[in-house]
């Protein structure tokens, strides 16, 4: 069994940028790209609603959302080991320029 799942967003994420353009500019993308960014749109909206309208804030919010889903709404295969303390799910943000990883949601 894997003891750790890291959900890692990264600086300059193109998928989050695309989701931001959907929210801000009502941009439209081909269906294969639209399917990929659709789950990210709520994170962009949440970041903007919280006064954080930057790309980094939207990436971090997306990580928070995925971590929350894995902790609370995942299949029993993931929920049971978390409850038993044998699996931990954490979020992180990777800065491409510096190589620094900021762990949060620990």
PDB file of N, CA and C in Angstrom:
ATOM      1  N   UNK A   1       0.832  -1.182   0.000  1.00  0.00           N
ATOM      2  CA  UNK A   1       0.000   0.000   0.000  1.00  0.00           C
ATOM      3  C   UNK A   1       0.876   1.245   0.000  1.00  0.00           C
ATOM      4  N   UNK A   2       0.466   2.236  -0.735  1.00  0.00           N
ATOM      5  CA  UNK A   2       1.166   3.512  -0.803  1.00  0.00           C
ATOM      6  C   UNK A   2       0.851   4.311   0.461  1.00  0.00           C
ATOM      7  N   UNK A   3       1.863   4.841   1.166  1.00  0.00           N
ATOM      8  CA  UNK A   3       1.587   5.569   2.404  1.00  0.00           C
ATOM      9  C   UNK A   3       1.289   7.057   2.219  1.00  0.00           C
ATOM     10  N   UNK A   4       1.569   7.591   1.018  1.00  0.00           N
ATOM     11  CA  UNK A   4       1.427   9.029   0.819  1.00  0.00           C
ATOM     12  C   UNK A   4       0.977   9.325  -0.607  1.00  0.00           C
ATOM     13  N   UNK A   5      -0.020  10.196  -0.726  1.00  0.00           N
ATOM     14  CA  UNK A   5      -0.429  10.737  -2.022  1.00  0.00           C
ATOM     15  C   UNK A   5      -0.198  12.231  -1.958  1.00  0.00           C
ATOM     16  N   UNK A   6       0.579  12.759  -2.904  1.00  0.00           N
ATOM     17  CA  UNK A   6       0.833  14.193  -2.989  1.00  0.00           C
ATOM     18  C   UNK A   6       0.112  14.723  -4.224  1.00  0.00           C
ATOM     19  N   UNK A   7      -0.791  15.650  -3.992  1.00  0.00           N
ATOM     20  CA  UNK A   7      -1.476  16.346  -5.079  1.00  0.00           C
ATOM     21  C   UNK A   7      -0.688  17.637  -5.280  1.00  0.00           C
ATOM     22  N   UNK A   8      -0.001  17.750  -6.432  1.00  0.00           N
ATOM     23  CA  UNK A   8       0.907  18.867  -6.628  1.00  0.00           C
ATOM     24  C   UNK A   8       0.492  19.732  -7.814  1.00  0.00           C
ATOM     25  N   UNK A   9       0.193  20.983  -7.515  1.00  0.00           N
ATOM     26  CA  UNK A   9      -0.018  21.977  -8.561  1.00  0.00           C
ATOM     27  C   UNK A   9       1.316  22.630  -8.862  1.00  0.00           C
ATOM     28  N   UNK A  10       1.376  23.345  -9.970  1.00  0.00           N
ATOM     29  CA  UNK A  10       2.654  23.966 -10.313  1.00  0.00           C
ATOM     30  C   UNK A  10       2.467  25.345 -10.926  1.00  0.00           C
ATOM     31  N   UNK A  11       3.510  26.117 -10.798  1.00  0.00           N
ATOM     32  CA  UNK A  11       3.568  27.461 -11.340  1.00  0.00           C
ATOM     33  C   UNK A  11       3.289  27.420 -12.851  1.00  0.00           C
ATOM     34  N   UNK A  12       2.588  28.432 -13.343  1.00  0.00           N
ATOM     35  CA  UNK A  12       2.321  28.596 -14.779  1.00  0.00           C
ATOM     36  C   UNK A  12       1.539  27.428 -15.376  1.00  0.00           C
ATOM     37  N   UNK A  13       0.634  26.847 -14.624  1.00  0.00           N
ATOM     38  CA  UNK A  13      -0.143  25.698 -15.096  1.00  0.00           C
ATOM     39  C   UNK A  13      -1.065  26.110 -16.238  1.00  0.00           C
ATOM     40  N   UNK A  14      -0.871  25.491 -17.379  1.00  0.00           N
ATOM     41  CA  UNK A  14      -1.675  25.810 -18.558  1.00  0.00           C
ATOM     42  C   UNK A  14      -3.136  25.438 -18.414  1.00  0.00           C
ATOM     43  N   UNK A  15      -3.422  24.348 -17.724  1.00  0.00           N
ATOM     44  CA  UNK A  15      -4.817  23.926 -17.539  1.00  0.00           C
ATOM     45  C   UNK A  15      -5.567  24.928 -16.671  1.00  0.00           C
ATOM     46  N   UNK A  16      -4.928  25.408 -15.622  1.00  0.00           N
ATOM     47  CA  UNK A  16      -5.580  26.399 -14.764  1.00  0.00           C
ATOM     48  C   UNK A  16      -5.706  27.728 -15.502  1.00  0.00           C
ATOM     49  N   UNK A  17      -4.690  28.098 -16.287  1.00  0.00           N
ATOM     50  CA  UNK A  17      -4.799  29.312 -17.107  1.00  0.00           C
ATOM     51  C   UNK A  17      -5.996  29.219 -18.045  1.00  0.00           C
ATOM     52  N   UNK A  18      -6.173  28.064 -18.662  1.00  0.00           N
ATOM     53  CA  UNK A  18      -7.312  27.868 -19.564  1.00  0.00           C
ATOM     54  C   UNK A  18      -8.630  27.984 -18.807  1.00  0.00           C
ATOM     55  N   UNK A  19      -8.705  27.387 -17.621  1.00  0.00           N
ATOM     56  CA  UNK A  19      -9.923  27.485 -16.813  1.00  0.00           C
ATOM     57  C   UNK A  19     -10.189  28.931 -16.412  1.00  0.00           C
ATOM     58  N   UNK A  20      -9.148  29.673 -16.127  1.00  0.00           N
ATOM     59  CA  UNK A  20      -9.311  31.090 -15.801  1.00  0.00           C
ATOM     60  C   UNK A  20      -9.853  31.865 -16.997  1.00  0.00           C
ATOM     61  N   UNK A  21      -9.400  31.524 -18.197  1.00  0.00           N
ATOM     62  CA  UNK A  21      -9.898  32.223 -19.379  1.00  0.00           C
ATOM     63  C   UNK A  21     -11.358  31.878 -19.660  1.00  0.00           C
ATOM     64  N   UNK A  22     -11.783  30.690 -19.278  1.00  0.00           N
ATOM     65  CA  UNK A  22     -13.200  30.326 -19.391  1.00  0.00           C
ATOM     66  C   UNK A  22     -14.022  31.209 -18.459  1.00  0.00           C
ATOM     67  N   UNK A  23     -13.545  31.361 -17.231  1.00  0.00           N
ATOM     68  CA  UNK A  23     -14.272  32.156 -16.229  1.00  0.00           C
ATOM     69  C   UNK A  23     -14.243  33.637 -16.584  1.00  0.00           C
ATOM     70  N   UNK A  24     -13.086  34.153 -16.916  1.00  0.00           N
ATOM     71  CA  UNK A  24     -12.927  35.597 -17.145  1.00  0.00           C
ATOM     72  C   UNK A  24     -13.458  36.056 -18.500  1.00  0.00           C
ATOM     73  N   UNK A  25     -13.168  35.264 -19.536  1.00  0.00           N
ATOM     74  CA  UNK A  25     -13.425  35.717 -20.911  1.00  0.00           C
ATOM     75  C   UNK A  25     -14.456  34.879 -21.644  1.00  0.00           C
ATOM     76  N   UNK A  26     -15.055  33.929 -20.935  1.00  0.00           N
ATOM     77  CA  UNK A  26     -16.006  33.005 -21.565  1.00  0.00           C
ATOM     78  C   UNK A  26     -15.370  32.273 -22.753  1.00  0.00           C
ATOM     79  N   UNK A  27     -14.084  31.975 -22.625  1.00  0.00           N
ATOM     80  CA  UNK A  27     -13.355  31.270 -23.684  1.00  0.00           C
ATOM     81  C   UNK A  27     -13.941  29.875 -23.859  1.00  0.00           C
ATOM     82  N   UNK A  28     -13.801  29.358 -25.069  1.00  0.00           N
ATOM     83  CA  UNK A  28     -14.250  27.999 -25.356  1.00  0.00           C
ATOM     84  C   UNK A  28     -13.092  27.228 -25.972  1.00  0.00           C
ATOM     85  N   UNK A  29     -13.045  25.944 -25.659  1.00  0.00           N
ATOM     86  CA  UNK A  29     -11.966  25.083 -26.126  1.00  0.00           C
ATOM     87  C   UNK A  29     -12.545  23.843 -26.766  1.00  0.00           C
ATOM     88  N   UNK A  30     -11.756  23.153 -27.593  1.00  0.00           N
ATOM     89  CA  UNK A  30     -12.223  21.880 -28.161  1.00  0.00           C
ATOM     90  C   UNK A  30     -12.632  20.929 -27.042  1.00  0.00           C
ATOM     91  N   UNK A  31     -13.500  19.998 -27.365  1.00  0.00           N
ATOM     92  CA  UNK A  31     -14.105  19.149 -26.335  1.00  0.00           C
ATOM     93  C   UNK A  31     -13.095  18.387 -25.487  1.00  0.00           C
ATOM     94  N   UNK A  32     -12.003  17.902 -26.072  1.00  0.00           N
ATOM     95  CA  UNK A  32     -11.037  17.149 -25.269  1.00  0.00           C
ATOM     96  C   UNK A  32     -10.356  18.044 -24.237  1.00  0.00           C
ATOM     97  N   UNK A  33     -10.087  19.279 -24.586  1.00  0.00           N
ATOM     98  CA  UNK A  33      -9.484  20.212 -23.635  1.00  0.00           C
ATOM     99  C   UNK A  33     -10.534  20.684 -22.638  1.00  0.00           C
ATOM    100  N   UNK A  34     -11.733  20.956 -23.113  1.00  0.00           N
ATOM    101  CA  UNK A  34     -12.820  21.395 -22.226  1.00  0.00           C
ATOM    102  C   UNK A  34     -13.099  20.371 -21.138  1.00  0.00           C
ATOM    103  N   UNK A  35     -13.067  19.102 -21.485  1.00  0.00           N
ATOM    104  CA  UNK A  35     -13.289  18.045 -20.489  1.00  0.00           C
ATOM    105  C   UNK A  35     -12.209  18.053 -19.414  1.00  0.00           C
ATOM    106  N   UNK A  36     -10.993  18.381 -19.801  1.00  0.00           N
ATOM    107  CA  UNK A  36      -9.890  18.391 -18.852  1.00  0.00           C
ATOM    108  C   UNK A  36      -9.991  19.585 -17.901  1.00  0.00           C
ATOM    109  N   UNK A  37     -10.399  20.739 -18.410  1.00  0.00           N
ATOM    110  CA  UNK A  37     -10.413  21.933 -17.564  1.00  0.00           C
ATOM    111  C   UNK A  37     -11.726  22.135 -16.808  1.00  0.00           C
ATOM    112  N   UNK A  38     -12.773  21.451 -17.215  1.00  0.00           N
ATOM    113  CA  UNK A  38     -14.073  21.614 -16.545  1.00  0.00           C
ATOM    114  C   UNK A  38     -13.990  21.413 -15.026  1.00  0.00           C
ATOM    115  N   UNK A  39     -13.294  20.379 -14.535  1.00  0.00           N
ATOM    116  CA  UNK A  39     -13.229  20.200 -13.073  1.00  0.00           C
ATOM    117  C   UNK A  39     -12.414  21.276 -12.353  1.00  0.00           C
ATOM    118  N   UNK A  40     -11.644  22.067 -13.108  1.00  0.00           N
ATOM    119  CA  UNK A  40     -10.797  23.098 -12.501  1.00  0.00           C
ATOM    120  C   UNK A  40     -11.562  24.404 -12.319  1.00  0.00           C
ATOM    121  N   UNK A  41     -12.590  24.629 -13.111  1.00  0.00           N
ATOM    122  CA  UNK A  41     -13.344  25.887 -13.075  1.00  0.00           C
ATOM    123  C   UNK A  41     -13.848  26.217 -11.669  1.00  0.00           C
ATOM    124  N   UNK A  42     -14.406  25.258 -10.905  1.00  0.00           N
ATOM    125  CA  UNK A  42     -14.848  25.619  -9.548  1.00  0.00           C
ATOM    126  C   UNK A  42     -13.716  26.181  -8.671  1.00  0.00           C
ATOM    127  N   UNK A  43     -12.517  25.669  -8.823  1.00  0.00           N
ATOM    128  CA  UNK A  43     -11.385  26.181  -8.041  1.00  0.00           C
ATOM    129  C   UNK A  43     -11.067  27.618  -8.431  1.00  0.00           C
ATOM    130  N   UNK A  44     -11.146  27.925  -9.719  1.00  0.00           N
ATOM    131  CA  UNK A  44     -10.907  29.295 -10.188  1.00  0.00           C
ATOM    132  C   UNK A  44     -11.962  30.227  -9.592  1.00  0.00           C
ATOM    133  N   UNK A  45     -13.212  29.786  -9.619  1.00  0.00           N
ATOM    134  CA  UNK A  45     -14.299  30.594  -9.051  1.00  0.00           C
ATOM    135  C   UNK A  45     -14.128  30.779  -7.548  1.00  0.00           C
ATOM    136  N   UNK A  46     -13.741  29.732  -6.844  1.00  0.00           N
ATOM    137  CA  UNK A  46     -13.531  29.826  -5.401  1.00  0.00           C
ATOM    138  C   UNK A  46     -12.388  30.778  -5.066  1.00  0.00           C
ATOM    139  N   UNK A  47     -11.305  30.706  -5.822  1.00  0.00           N
ATOM    140  CA  UNK A  47     -10.169  31.600  -5.583  1.00  0.00           C
ATOM    141  C   UNK A  47     -10.578  33.049  -5.821  1.00  0.00           C
ATOM    142  N   UNK A  48     -11.295  33.303  -6.905  1.00  0.00           N
ATOM    143  CA  UNK A  48     -11.743  34.663  -7.218  1.00  0.00           C
ATOM    144  C   UNK A  48     -12.729  35.167  -6.170  1.00  0.00           C
ATOM    145  N   UNK A  49     -13.638  34.296  -5.743  1.00  0.00           N
ATOM    146  CA  UNK A  49     -14.628  34.670  -4.720  1.00  0.00           C
ATOM    147  C   UNK A  49     -13.939  35.036  -3.408  1.00  0.00           C
ATOM    148  N   UNK A  50     -12.825  34.386  -3.139  1.00  0.00           N
ATOM    149  CA  UNK A  50     -12.061  34.668  -1.925  1.00  0.00           C
ATOM    150  C   UNK A  50     -11.114  35.850  -2.067  1.00  0.00           C
ATOM    151  N   UNK A  51     -11.208  36.572  -3.182  1.00  0.00           N
ATOM    152  CA  UNK A  51     -10.357  37.735  -3.393  1.00  0.00           C
ATOM    153  C   UNK A  51      -8.978  37.397  -3.915  1.00  0.00           C
ATOM    154  N   UNK A  52      -8.759  36.146  -4.277  1.00  0.00           N
ATOM    155  CA  UNK A  52      -7.464  35.705  -4.787  1.00  0.00           C
ATOM    156  C   UNK A  52      -7.603  35.426  -6.279  1.00  0.00           C
ATOM    157  N   UNK A  53      -7.368  36.423  -7.096  1.00  0.00           N
ATOM    158  CA  UNK A  53      -7.618  36.307  -8.526  1.00  0.00           C
ATOM    159  C   UNK A  53      -6.364  35.978  -9.332  1.00  0.00           C
ATOM    160  N   UNK A  54      -5.305  35.508  -8.679  1.00  0.00           N
ATOM    161  CA  UNK A  54      -4.059  35.213  -9.384  1.00  0.00           C
ATOM    162  C   UNK A  54      -4.026  33.760  -9.837  1.00  0.00           C
ATOM    163  N   UNK A  55      -3.152  33.485 -10.784  1.00  0.00           N
ATOM    164  CA  UNK A  55      -2.970  32.116 -11.259  1.00  0.00           C
ATOM    165  C   UNK A  55      -2.503  31.217 -10.115  1.00  0.00           C
ATOM    166  N   UNK A  56      -1.547  31.687  -9.324  1.00  0.00           N
ATOM    167  CA  UNK A  56      -1.055  30.864  -8.221  1.00  0.00           C
ATOM    168  C   UNK A  56      -2.175  30.533  -7.242  1.00  0.00           C
ATOM    169  N   UNK A  57      -3.016  31.499  -6.925  1.00  0.00           N
ATOM    170  CA  UNK A  57      -4.127  31.249  -5.995  1.00  0.00           C
ATOM    171  C   UNK A  57      -5.091  30.215  -6.558  1.00  0.00           C
ATOM    172  N   UNK A  58      -5.352  30.284  -7.858  1.00  0.00           N
ATOM    173  CA  UNK A  58      -6.264  29.322  -8.487  1.00  0.00           C
ATOM    174  C   UNK A  58      -5.644  27.921  -8.498  1.00  0.00           C
ATOM    175  N   UNK A  59      -4.353  27.827  -8.757  1.00  0.00           N
ATOM    176  CA  UNK A  59      -3.671  26.527  -8.732  1.00  0.00           C
ATOM    177  C   UNK A  59      -3.749  25.942  -7.328  1.00  0.00           C
ATOM    178  N   UNK A  60      -3.435  26.756  -6.332  1.00  0.00           N
ATOM    179  CA  UNK A  60      -3.483  26.279  -4.950  1.00  0.00           C
ATOM    180  C   UNK A  60      -4.896  25.862  -4.558  1.00  0.00           C
ATOM    181  N   UNK A  61      -5.897  26.623  -4.980  1.00  0.00           N
ATOM    182  CA  UNK A  61      -7.276  26.265  -4.662  1.00  0.00           C
ATOM    183  C   UNK A  61      -7.660  24.952  -5.328  1.00  0.00           C
ATOM    184  N   UNK A  62      -7.182  24.733  -6.538  1.00  0.00           N
ATOM    185  CA  UNK A  62      -7.454  23.472  -7.216  1.00  0.00           C
ATOM    186  C   UNK A  62      -6.838  22.304  -6.448  1.00  0.00           C
ATOM    187  N   UNK A  63      -5.634  22.484  -5.949  1.00  0.00           N
ATOM    188  CA  UNK A  63      -5.004  21.442  -5.139  1.00  0.00           C
ATOM    189  C   UNK A  63      -5.842  21.187  -3.886  1.00  0.00           C
ATOM    190  N   UNK A  64      -6.273  22.259  -3.215  1.00  0.00           N
ATOM    191  CA  UNK A  64      -7.118  22.104  -2.024  1.00  0.00           C
ATOM    192  C   UNK A  64      -8.370  21.292  -2.348  1.00  0.00           C
ATOM    193  N   UNK A  65      -9.001  21.577  -3.477  1.00  0.00           N
ATOM    194  CA  UNK A  65     -10.232  20.880  -3.858  1.00  0.00           C
ATOM    195  C   UNK A  65      -9.967  19.385  -4.090  1.00  0.00           C
ATOM    196  N   UNK A  66      -8.899  19.071  -4.800  1.00  0.00           N
ATOM    197  CA  UNK A  66      -8.593  17.668  -5.088  1.00  0.00           C
ATOM    198  C   UNK A  66      -8.233  16.927  -3.800  1.00  0.00           C
ATOM    199  N   UNK A  67      -7.449  17.563  -2.936  1.00  0.00           N
ATOM    200  CA  UNK A  67      -7.099  16.936  -1.655  1.00  0.00           C
ATOM    201  C   UNK A  67      -8.369  16.670  -0.852  1.00  0.00           C
ATOM    202  N   UNK A  68      -9.251  17.646  -0.780  1.00  0.00           N
ATOM    203  CA  UNK A  68     -10.503  17.474  -0.041  1.00  0.00           C
ATOM    204  C   UNK A  68     -11.319  16.308  -0.623  1.00  0.00           C
ATOM    205  N   UNK A  69     -11.391  16.233  -1.939  1.00  0.00           N
ATOM    206  CA  UNK A  69     -12.131  15.131  -2.573  1.00  0.00           C
ATOM    207  C   UNK A  69     -11.515  13.778  -2.221  1.00  0.00           C
ATOM    208  N   UNK A  70     -10.200  13.694  -2.263  1.00  0.00           N
ATOM    209  CA  UNK A  70      -9.540  12.428  -1.948  1.00  0.00           C
ATOM    210  C   UNK A  70      -9.681  12.056  -0.479  1.00  0.00           C
ATOM    211  N   UNK A  71      -9.788  13.057   0.371  1.00  0.00           N
ATOM    212  CA  UNK A  71      -9.941  12.796   1.805  1.00  0.00           C
ATOM    213  C   UNK A  71     -11.375  12.466   2.205  1.00  0.00           C
ATOM    214  N   UNK A  72     -12.345  13.029   1.473  1.00  0.00           N
ATOM    215  CA  UNK A  72     -13.731  12.932   1.925  1.00  0.00           C
ATOM    216  C   UNK A  72     -14.670  12.188   0.980  1.00  0.00           C
ATOM    217  N   UNK A  73     -14.355  12.175  -0.315  1.00  0.00           N
ATOM    218  CA  UNK A  73     -15.309  11.652  -1.285  1.00  0.00           C
ATOM    219  C   UNK A  73     -14.762  10.516  -2.137  1.00  0.00           C
ATOM    220  N   UNK A  74     -13.605  10.020  -1.798  1.00  0.00           N
ATOM    221  CA  UNK A  74     -12.975   8.963  -2.593  1.00  0.00           C
ATOM    222  C   UNK A  74     -13.617   7.617  -2.291  1.00  0.00           C
ATOM    223  N   UNK A  75     -13.194   6.633  -3.026  1.00  0.00           N
ATOM    224  CA  UNK A  75     -13.699   5.275  -2.794  1.00  0.00           C
ATOM    225  C   UNK A  75     -13.162   4.755  -1.465  1.00  0.00           C
ATOM    226  N   UNK A  76     -13.793   3.733  -0.929  1.00  0.00           N
ATOM    227  CA  UNK A  76     -13.307   3.129   0.321  1.00  0.00           C
ATOM    228  C   UNK A  76     -11.854   2.659   0.244  1.00  0.00           C
ATOM    229  N   UNK A  77     -11.386   2.366  -0.952  1.00  0.00           N
ATOM    230  CA  UNK A  77      -9.990   1.933  -1.117  1.00  0.00           C
ATOM    231  C   UNK A  77      -9.035   3.020  -0.613  1.00  0.00           C
ATOM    232  N   UNK A  78      -9.427   4.295  -0.733  1.00  0.00           N
ATOM    233  CA  UNK A  78      -8.602   5.392  -0.226  1.00  0.00           C
ATOM    234  C   UNK A  78      -9.050   5.876   1.150  1.00  0.00           C
ATOM    235  N   UNK A  79     -10.336   5.842   1.418  1.00  0.00           N
ATOM    236  CA  UNK A  79     -10.845   6.361   2.687  1.00  0.00           C
ATOM    237  C   UNK A  79     -10.475   5.495   3.881  1.00  0.00           C
ATOM    238  N   UNK A  80     -10.550   4.183   3.725  1.00  0.00           N
ATOM    239  CA  UNK A  80     -10.261   3.279   4.853  1.00  0.00           C
ATOM    240  C   UNK A  80      -8.822   3.419   5.355  1.00  0.00           C
ATOM    241  N   UNK A  81      -7.809   3.408   4.457  1.00  0.00           N
ATOM    242  CA  UNK A  81      -6.444   3.558   4.968  1.00  0.00           C
ATOM    243  C   UNK A  81      -6.184   4.940   5.573  1.00  0.00           C
ATOM    244  N   UNK A  82      -6.885   5.952   5.079  1.00  0.00           N
ATOM    245  CA  UNK A  82      -6.738   7.269   5.696  1.00  0.00           C
ATOM    246  C   UNK A  82      -7.291   7.245   7.117  1.00  0.00           C
ATOM    247  N   UNK A  83      -8.442   6.626   7.286  1.00  0.00           N
ATOM    248  CA  UNK A  83      -9.047   6.525   8.617  1.00  0.00           C
ATOM    249  C   UNK A  83      -8.165   5.705   9.559  1.00  0.00           C
ATOM    250  N   UNK A  84      -7.486   4.713   9.014  1.00  0.00           N
ATOM    251  CA  UNK A  84      -6.607   3.865   9.821  1.00  0.00           C
ATOM    252  C   UNK A  84      -5.251   4.515  10.084  1.00  0.00           C
ATOM    253  N   UNK A  85      -4.978   5.629   9.398  1.00  0.00           N
ATOM    254  CA  UNK A  85      -3.702   6.314   9.589  1.00  0.00           C
ATOM    255  C   UNK A  85      -2.554   5.735   8.797  1.00  0.00           C
ATOM    256  N   UNK A  86      -2.849   4.855   7.825  1.00  0.00           N
ATOM    257  CA  UNK A  86      -1.782   4.252   7.022  1.00  0.00           C
ATOM    258  C   UNK A  86      -1.601   4.954   5.678  1.00  0.00           C
ATOM    259  N   UNK A  87      -2.468   5.918   5.384  1.00  0.00           N
ATOM    260  CA  UNK A  87      -2.369   6.693   4.146  1.00  0.00           C
ATOM    261  C   UNK A  87      -2.623   8.155   4.467  1.00  0.00           C
ATOM    262  N   UNK A  88      -1.770   9.005   3.928  1.00  0.00           N
ATOM    263  CA  UNK A  88      -1.924  10.446   4.113  1.00  0.00           C
ATOM    264  C   UNK A  88      -2.025  11.083   2.732  1.00  0.00           C
ATOM    265  N   UNK A  89      -2.924  12.064   2.587  1.00  0.00           N
ATOM    266  CA  UNK A  89      -3.083  12.826   1.352  1.00  0.00           C
ATOM    267  C   UNK A  89      -2.741  14.274   1.668  1.00  0.00           C
ATOM    268  N   UNK A  90      -1.786  14.839   0.946  1.00  0.00           N
ATOM    269  CA  UNK A  90      -1.364  16.225   1.178  1.00  0.00           C
ATOM    270  C   UNK A  90      -1.302  16.975  -0.144  1.00  0.00           C
ATOM    271  N   UNK A  91      -1.350  18.301  -0.037  1.00  0.00           N
ATOM    272  CA  UNK A  91      -1.236  19.159  -1.209  1.00  0.00           C
ATOM    273  C   UNK A  91       0.097  19.866  -1.234  1.00  0.00           C
ATOM    274  N   UNK A  92       0.516  20.244  -2.426  1.00  0.00           N
ATOM    275  CA  UNK A  92       1.780  20.953  -2.581  1.00  0.00           C
ATOM    276  C   UNK A  92       1.725  21.849  -3.812  1.00  0.00           C
ATOM    277  N   UNK A  93       2.601  22.848  -3.822  1.00  0.00           N
ATOM    278  CA  UNK A  93       2.730  23.765  -4.959  1.00  0.00           C
ATOM    279  C   UNK A  93       4.202  23.794  -5.356  1.00  0.00           C
ATOM    280  N   UNK A  94       4.445  23.549  -6.646  1.00  0.00           N
ATOM    281  CA  UNK A  94       5.813  23.484  -7.167  1.00  0.00           C
ATOM    282  C   UNK A  94       6.129  24.748  -7.942  1.00  0.00           C
ATOM    283  N   UNK A  95       7.192  25.445  -7.525  1.00  0.00           N
ATOM    284  CA  UNK A  95       7.666  26.633  -8.225  1.00  0.00           C
ATOM    285  C   UNK A  95       8.700  26.199  -9.253  1.00  0.00           C
ATOM    286  N   UNK A  96       8.343  26.318 -10.528  1.00  0.00           N
ATOM    287  CA  UNK A  96       9.225  25.860 -11.601  1.00  0.00           C
ATOM    288  C   UNK A  96      10.557  26.589 -11.614  1.00  0.00           C
ATOM    289  N   UNK A  97      10.523  27.894 -11.344  1.00  0.00           N
ATOM    290  CA  UNK A  97      11.742  28.695 -11.410  1.00  0.00           C
ATOM    291  C   UNK A  97      12.758  28.341 -10.346  1.00  0.00           C
ATOM    292  N   UNK A  98      12.289  28.178  -9.119  1.00  0.00           N
ATOM    293  CA  UNK A  98      13.221  27.928  -8.012  1.00  0.00           C
ATOM    294  C   UNK A  98      13.380  26.443  -7.694  1.00  0.00           C
ATOM    295  N   UNK A  99      12.413  25.625  -8.129  1.00  0.00           N
ATOM    296  CA  UNK A  99      12.429  24.214  -7.783  1.00  0.00           C
ATOM    297  C   UNK A  99      11.874  23.940  -6.388  1.00  0.00           C
ATOM    298  N   UNK A 100      11.419  24.996  -5.712  1.00  0.00           N
ATOM    299  CA  UNK A 100      10.891  24.855  -4.353  1.00  0.00           C
ATOM    300  C   UNK A 100       9.502  24.231  -4.382  1.00  0.00           C
ATOM    301  N   UNK A 101       9.258  23.335  -3.444  1.00  0.00           N
ATOM    302  CA  UNK A 101       7.945  22.732  -3.262  1.00  0.00           C
ATOM    303  C   UNK A 101       7.416  23.184  -1.911  1.00  0.00           C
ATOM    304  N   UNK A 102       6.229  23.790  -1.948  1.00  0.00           N
ATOM    305  CA  UNK A 102       5.566  24.253  -0.736  1.00  0.00           C
ATOM    306  C   UNK A 102       4.465  23.251  -0.403  1.00  0.00           C
ATOM    307  N   UNK A 103       4.648  22.491   0.671  1.00  0.00           N
ATOM    308  CA  UNK A 103       3.626  21.535   1.096  1.00  0.00           C
ATOM    309  C   UNK A 103       2.613  22.237   1.971  1.00  0.00           C
ATOM    310  N   UNK A 104       1.343  21.984   1.738  1.00  0.00           N
ATOM    311  CA  UNK A 104       0.278  22.510   2.571  1.00  0.00           C
ATOM    312  C   UNK A 104      -0.803  21.453   2.655  1.00  0.00           C
ATOM    313  N   UNK A 105      -1.858  21.735   3.374  1.00  0.00           N
ATOM    314  CA  UNK A 105      -2.924  20.743   3.588  1.00  0.00           C
ATOM    315  C   UNK A 105      -2.387  19.509   4.281  1.00  0.00           C
ATOM    316  N   UNK A 106      -1.294  19.638   5.008  1.00  0.00           N
ATOM    317  CA  UNK A 106      -0.692  18.468   5.677  1.00  0.00           C
ATOM    318  C   UNK A 106      -1.500  18.072   6.885  1.00  0.00           C
TER     319      UNK A 106
END
